[in-house]
Every structure is written in structure tokens, then in C-alpha cells.
């Protein structure tokens, strides 16, 4: 896992663990395993965001993604709350 992806993972866990009502992960280990399937952040990570796929479900396996903003339309895929824009 690249350093910038790891930084986004740590930032994302802080977000998920603070929002108990949106945390659908059993443990940090389960979160890390799911995060490892999401791919890498683009470049320095400043335009990469961890977000849910569906706003009607919590952060849980199968409902999380990394969105790399490469086109203005990509912003539509980022659901509040989100984690991202981590420093490179």
C-alpha cells in the first residue's frame, strides 16, 4: 500500500470511528481489510476521497470507495461525511 493511500486509510478510520451511527465495520481489522480492496489514491492524494457508495447505508463492507477526482463530475460520487484531501 502506497504511503498516501495509507494516510487516507488512517484519516478514513478516524472519520468512521467518530460516526458510530454510520460505522458498519466490526473492527479496525475488518475496516483495513476492506480498505485494502479499494485500490490506490491518485498522485499525492489531495484529490482522493474515501466515501460511501450509497448514502442510505453506513460505512460498511461493499459500501465504501475511494474517489479520485479527475473530472468535475467525479464530485457527485463523494457523499458527506467523507475523508480526503490528505496532504501528500
N, C-alpha and C. Protein backbone atom coordinates (compact mmCIF):
# COMPACT_ATOMS: atom_id res chain seq x y z
N UNK A 1 0.85 -1.18 0.00
CA UNK A 1 0.00 0.00 0.00
C UNK A 1 0.90 1.23 0.00
N UNK A 2 0.64 2.12 -0.93
CA UNK A 2 1.44 3.34 -1.02
C UNK A 2 1.20 4.23 0.20
N UNK A 3 2.19 5.05 0.49
CA UNK A 3 2.14 5.91 1.68
C UNK A 3 0.92 6.82 1.68
N UNK A 4 0.58 7.43 0.55
CA UNK A 4 -0.57 8.34 0.51
C UNK A 4 -1.89 7.59 0.68
N UNK A 5 -1.95 6.37 0.19
CA UNK A 5 -3.14 5.56 0.40
C UNK A 5 -3.26 5.18 1.87
N UNK A 6 -2.14 4.84 2.48
CA UNK A 6 -2.13 4.52 3.91
C UNK A 6 -2.59 5.73 4.73
N UNK A 7 -2.13 6.92 4.36
CA UNK A 7 -2.54 8.14 5.07
C UNK A 7 -4.05 8.35 4.96
N UNK A 8 -4.61 8.10 3.77
CA UNK A 8 -6.06 8.23 3.60
C UNK A 8 -6.79 7.18 4.41
N UNK A 9 -6.24 5.98 4.51
CA UNK A 9 -6.87 4.94 5.31
C UNK A 9 -6.93 5.36 6.78
N UNK A 10 -5.86 5.90 7.31
CA UNK A 10 -5.85 6.34 8.71
C UNK A 10 -6.85 7.48 8.93
N UNK A 11 -6.88 8.43 8.03
CA UNK A 11 -7.83 9.54 8.10
C UNK A 11 -9.26 9.02 8.04
N UNK A 12 -9.49 8.06 7.17
CA UNK A 12 -10.83 7.49 6.99
C UNK A 12 -11.29 6.74 8.22
N UNK A 13 -10.39 6.00 8.87
CA UNK A 13 -10.77 5.28 10.08
C UNK A 13 -11.16 6.26 11.18
N UNK A 14 -10.46 7.37 11.28
CA UNK A 14 -10.84 8.37 12.28
C UNK A 14 -12.26 8.88 12.01
N UNK A 15 -12.59 9.10 10.75
CA UNK A 15 -13.94 9.53 10.39
C UNK A 15 -14.97 8.46 10.76
N UNK A 16 -14.73 7.25 10.33
CA UNK A 16 -15.68 6.16 10.55
C UNK A 16 -15.86 5.89 12.04
N UNK A 17 -14.78 5.88 12.79
CA UNK A 17 -14.87 5.57 14.22
C UNK A 17 -15.55 6.69 15.01
N UNK A 18 -15.56 7.90 14.51
CA UNK A 18 -16.25 9.02 15.18
C UNK A 18 -17.75 9.02 14.91
N UNK A 19 -18.16 8.46 13.80
CA UNK A 19 -19.57 8.43 13.43
C UNK A 19 -20.14 7.04 13.74
N UNK A 20 -20.36 6.78 15.02
CA UNK A 20 -20.80 5.45 15.46
C UNK A 20 -22.07 5.02 14.74
N UNK A 21 -22.97 5.96 14.45
CA UNK A 21 -24.22 5.61 13.77
C UNK A 21 -24.00 5.22 12.31
N UNK A 22 -22.86 5.57 11.75
CA UNK A 22 -22.56 5.23 10.35
C UNK A 22 -21.48 4.15 10.23
N UNK A 23 -20.98 3.64 11.34
CA UNK A 23 -19.90 2.66 11.31
C UNK A 23 -20.47 1.25 11.26
N UNK A 24 -20.39 0.62 10.10
CA UNK A 24 -20.87 -0.75 9.94
C UNK A 24 -19.77 -1.79 9.98
N UNK A 25 -18.57 -1.40 10.41
CA UNK A 25 -17.46 -2.34 10.49
C UNK A 25 -17.39 -2.95 11.87
N UNK A 26 -17.08 -4.25 11.92
CA UNK A 26 -16.96 -4.97 13.19
C UNK A 26 -15.74 -4.53 13.99
N UNK A 27 -14.66 -4.17 13.26
CA UNK A 27 -13.40 -3.84 13.94
C UNK A 27 -12.50 -3.06 12.99
N UNK A 28 -11.43 -2.52 13.54
CA UNK A 28 -10.42 -1.85 12.73
C UNK A 28 -9.84 -2.83 11.71
N UNK A 29 -9.62 -4.06 12.10
CA UNK A 29 -9.07 -5.06 11.18
C UNK A 29 -10.00 -5.26 9.99
N UNK A 30 -11.29 -5.38 10.24
CA UNK A 30 -12.25 -5.54 9.13
C UNK A 30 -12.22 -4.32 8.21
N UNK A 31 -12.12 -3.13 8.81
CA UNK A 31 -12.03 -1.90 8.02
C UNK A 31 -10.78 -1.92 7.14
N UNK A 32 -9.64 -2.28 7.73
CA UNK A 32 -8.38 -2.30 6.99
C UNK A 32 -8.43 -3.31 5.84
N UNK A 33 -9.03 -4.45 6.08
CA UNK A 33 -9.16 -5.45 5.02
C UNK A 33 -10.00 -4.93 3.86
N UNK A 34 -11.12 -4.29 4.17
CA UNK A 34 -11.98 -3.74 3.12
C UNK A 34 -11.26 -2.61 2.39
N UNK A 35 -10.60 -1.74 3.13
CA UNK A 35 -9.89 -0.62 2.52
C UNK A 35 -8.83 -1.12 1.55
N UNK A 36 -8.19 -2.22 1.89
CA UNK A 36 -7.15 -2.79 1.03
C UNK A 36 -7.67 -3.25 -0.32
N UNK A 37 -8.96 -3.41 -0.46
CA UNK A 37 -9.55 -3.84 -1.74
C UNK A 37 -9.95 -2.67 -2.62
N UNK A 38 -9.82 -1.43 -2.13
CA UNK A 38 -10.35 -0.26 -2.82
C UNK A 38 -9.41 0.34 -3.86
N UNK A 39 -8.19 -0.08 -3.90
CA UNK A 39 -7.23 0.49 -4.83
C UNK A 39 -6.40 1.58 -4.18
N UNK A 40 -5.71 2.33 -5.00
CA UNK A 40 -4.79 3.35 -4.51
C UNK A 40 -5.31 4.76 -4.79
N UNK A 41 -4.84 5.71 -4.00
CA UNK A 41 -5.15 7.10 -4.28
C UNK A 41 -4.32 7.54 -5.48
N UNK A 42 -4.80 8.57 -6.16
CA UNK A 42 -4.08 9.09 -7.32
C UNK A 42 -3.06 10.14 -6.87
N UNK A 43 -1.88 10.03 -7.39
CA UNK A 43 -0.84 11.03 -7.13
C UNK A 43 -0.56 11.26 -5.66
N UNK A 44 -0.61 12.53 -5.27
CA UNK A 44 -0.28 12.89 -3.89
C UNK A 44 -1.47 12.73 -2.94
N UNK A 45 -2.62 12.34 -3.43
CA UNK A 45 -3.79 12.08 -2.58
C UNK A 45 -4.65 13.29 -2.29
N UNK A 46 -4.24 14.46 -2.74
CA UNK A 46 -5.00 15.67 -2.43
C UNK A 46 -6.38 15.68 -3.08
N UNK A 47 -6.56 14.92 -4.15
CA UNK A 47 -7.85 14.86 -4.82
C UNK A 47 -8.49 13.48 -4.71
N UNK A 48 -8.18 12.80 -3.61
CA UNK A 48 -8.71 11.46 -3.38
C UNK A 48 -9.55 11.48 -2.11
N UNK A 49 -10.71 10.84 -2.17
CA UNK A 49 -11.65 10.87 -1.07
C UNK A 49 -12.20 9.48 -0.77
N UNK A 50 -12.35 9.19 0.52
CA UNK A 50 -12.99 7.96 0.99
C UNK A 50 -14.43 8.31 1.28
N UNK A 51 -15.35 7.58 0.68
CA UNK A 51 -16.76 7.91 0.80
C UNK A 51 -17.61 6.65 0.69
N UNK A 52 -18.88 6.79 1.02
CA UNK A 52 -19.81 5.69 0.83
C UNK A 52 -20.27 5.65 -0.63
N UNK A 53 -20.76 4.52 -1.05
CA UNK A 53 -21.34 4.38 -2.38
C UNK A 53 -22.80 4.79 -2.32
N UNK A 54 -23.50 4.36 -1.28
CA UNK A 54 -24.91 4.70 -1.09
C UNK A 54 -25.09 5.47 0.21
N UNK A 55 -25.73 6.63 0.14
CA UNK A 55 -25.95 7.45 1.33
C UNK A 55 -26.95 6.81 2.29
N UNK A 56 -27.73 5.85 1.82
CA UNK A 56 -28.75 5.23 2.68
C UNK A 56 -28.19 4.10 3.53
N UNK A 57 -26.91 3.78 3.35
CA UNK A 57 -26.27 2.71 4.12
C UNK A 57 -25.07 3.29 4.87
N UNK A 58 -24.64 2.60 5.94
CA UNK A 58 -23.46 3.08 6.68
C UNK A 58 -22.17 2.75 5.94
N UNK A 59 -21.06 3.24 6.49
CA UNK A 59 -19.75 2.81 6.02
C UNK A 59 -19.66 1.33 6.41
N UNK A 60 -19.63 0.46 5.44
CA UNK A 60 -19.60 -0.98 5.70
C UNK A 60 -18.99 -1.68 4.49
N UNK A 61 -18.58 -2.94 4.65
CA UNK A 61 -18.04 -3.66 3.50
C UNK A 61 -19.02 -3.61 2.32
N UNK A 62 -18.50 -3.32 1.16
CA UNK A 62 -19.32 -3.25 -0.04
C UNK A 62 -19.98 -1.91 -0.28
N UNK A 63 -19.88 -0.99 0.69
CA UNK A 63 -20.49 0.34 0.53
C UNK A 63 -19.48 1.46 0.72
N UNK A 64 -18.24 1.20 0.43
CA UNK A 64 -17.21 2.24 0.53
C UNK A 64 -16.37 2.23 -0.74
N UNK A 65 -15.79 3.39 -1.02
CA UNK A 65 -14.97 3.53 -2.22
C UNK A 65 -13.97 4.66 -2.04
N UNK A 66 -12.93 4.63 -2.85
CA UNK A 66 -12.03 5.77 -2.99
C UNK A 66 -12.40 6.43 -4.30
N UNK A 67 -12.69 7.73 -4.23
CA UNK A 67 -12.99 8.51 -5.43
C UNK A 67 -11.81 9.43 -5.69
N UNK A 68 -11.18 9.25 -6.83
CA UNK A 68 -10.10 10.13 -7.27
C UNK A 68 -10.71 11.16 -8.22
N UNK A 69 -10.72 12.43 -7.79
CA UNK A 69 -11.32 13.47 -8.61
C UNK A 69 -10.44 13.77 -9.82
N UNK A 70 -10.87 13.29 -10.95
CA UNK A 70 -10.14 13.52 -12.19
C UNK A 70 -10.97 14.35 -13.15
N UNK A 71 -12.25 14.48 -12.87
CA UNK A 71 -13.20 15.20 -13.71
C UNK A 71 -14.20 15.87 -12.76
N UNK A 72 -14.70 17.06 -13.06
CA UNK A 72 -15.66 17.72 -12.16
C UNK A 72 -16.87 16.85 -11.82
N UNK A 73 -17.26 15.97 -12.72
CA UNK A 73 -18.41 15.09 -12.44
C UNK A 73 -18.12 14.07 -11.35
N UNK A 74 -16.85 13.80 -11.08
CA UNK A 74 -16.49 12.86 -10.02
C UNK A 74 -16.94 13.35 -8.66
N UNK A 75 -17.08 14.66 -8.49
CA UNK A 75 -17.51 15.22 -7.21
C UNK A 75 -18.87 14.71 -6.80
N UNK A 76 -19.71 14.35 -7.75
CA UNK A 76 -21.05 13.84 -7.46
C UNK A 76 -21.00 12.50 -6.74
N UNK A 77 -19.90 11.80 -6.80
CA UNK A 77 -19.76 10.50 -6.16
C UNK A 77 -19.30 10.60 -4.70
N UNK A 78 -18.95 11.79 -4.26
CA UNK A 78 -18.47 11.99 -2.89
C UNK A 78 -19.66 12.35 -2.01
N UNK A 79 -19.95 11.50 -1.02
CA UNK A 79 -21.10 11.66 -0.13
C UNK A 79 -20.62 12.13 1.24
N UNK A 80 -21.27 13.12 1.78
CA UNK A 80 -20.95 13.65 3.11
C UNK A 80 -21.52 12.70 4.17
N UNK A 81 -20.77 12.40 5.24
CA UNK A 81 -19.39 12.80 5.51
C UNK A 81 -18.42 11.96 4.69
N UNK A 82 -17.25 12.52 4.47
CA UNK A 82 -16.20 11.85 3.72
C UNK A 82 -14.87 12.20 4.34
N UNK A 83 -13.85 11.46 3.95
CA UNK A 83 -12.48 11.76 4.37
C UNK A 83 -11.67 11.95 3.10
N UNK A 84 -10.80 12.93 3.10
CA UNK A 84 -9.97 13.09 1.92
C UNK A 84 -9.21 14.36 1.87
N UNK A 85 -8.56 14.52 0.72
CA UNK A 85 -7.72 15.69 0.54
C UNK A 85 -6.48 15.63 1.42
N UNK A 86 -6.04 14.38 1.70
CA UNK A 86 -4.90 14.22 2.59
C UNK A 86 -3.64 14.83 2.00
N UNK A 87 -2.79 15.40 2.86
CA UNK A 87 -1.57 16.01 2.35
C UNK A 87 -0.64 14.96 1.75
N UNK A 88 0.04 15.35 0.69
CA UNK A 88 0.96 14.46 0.01
C UNK A 88 2.29 14.39 0.71
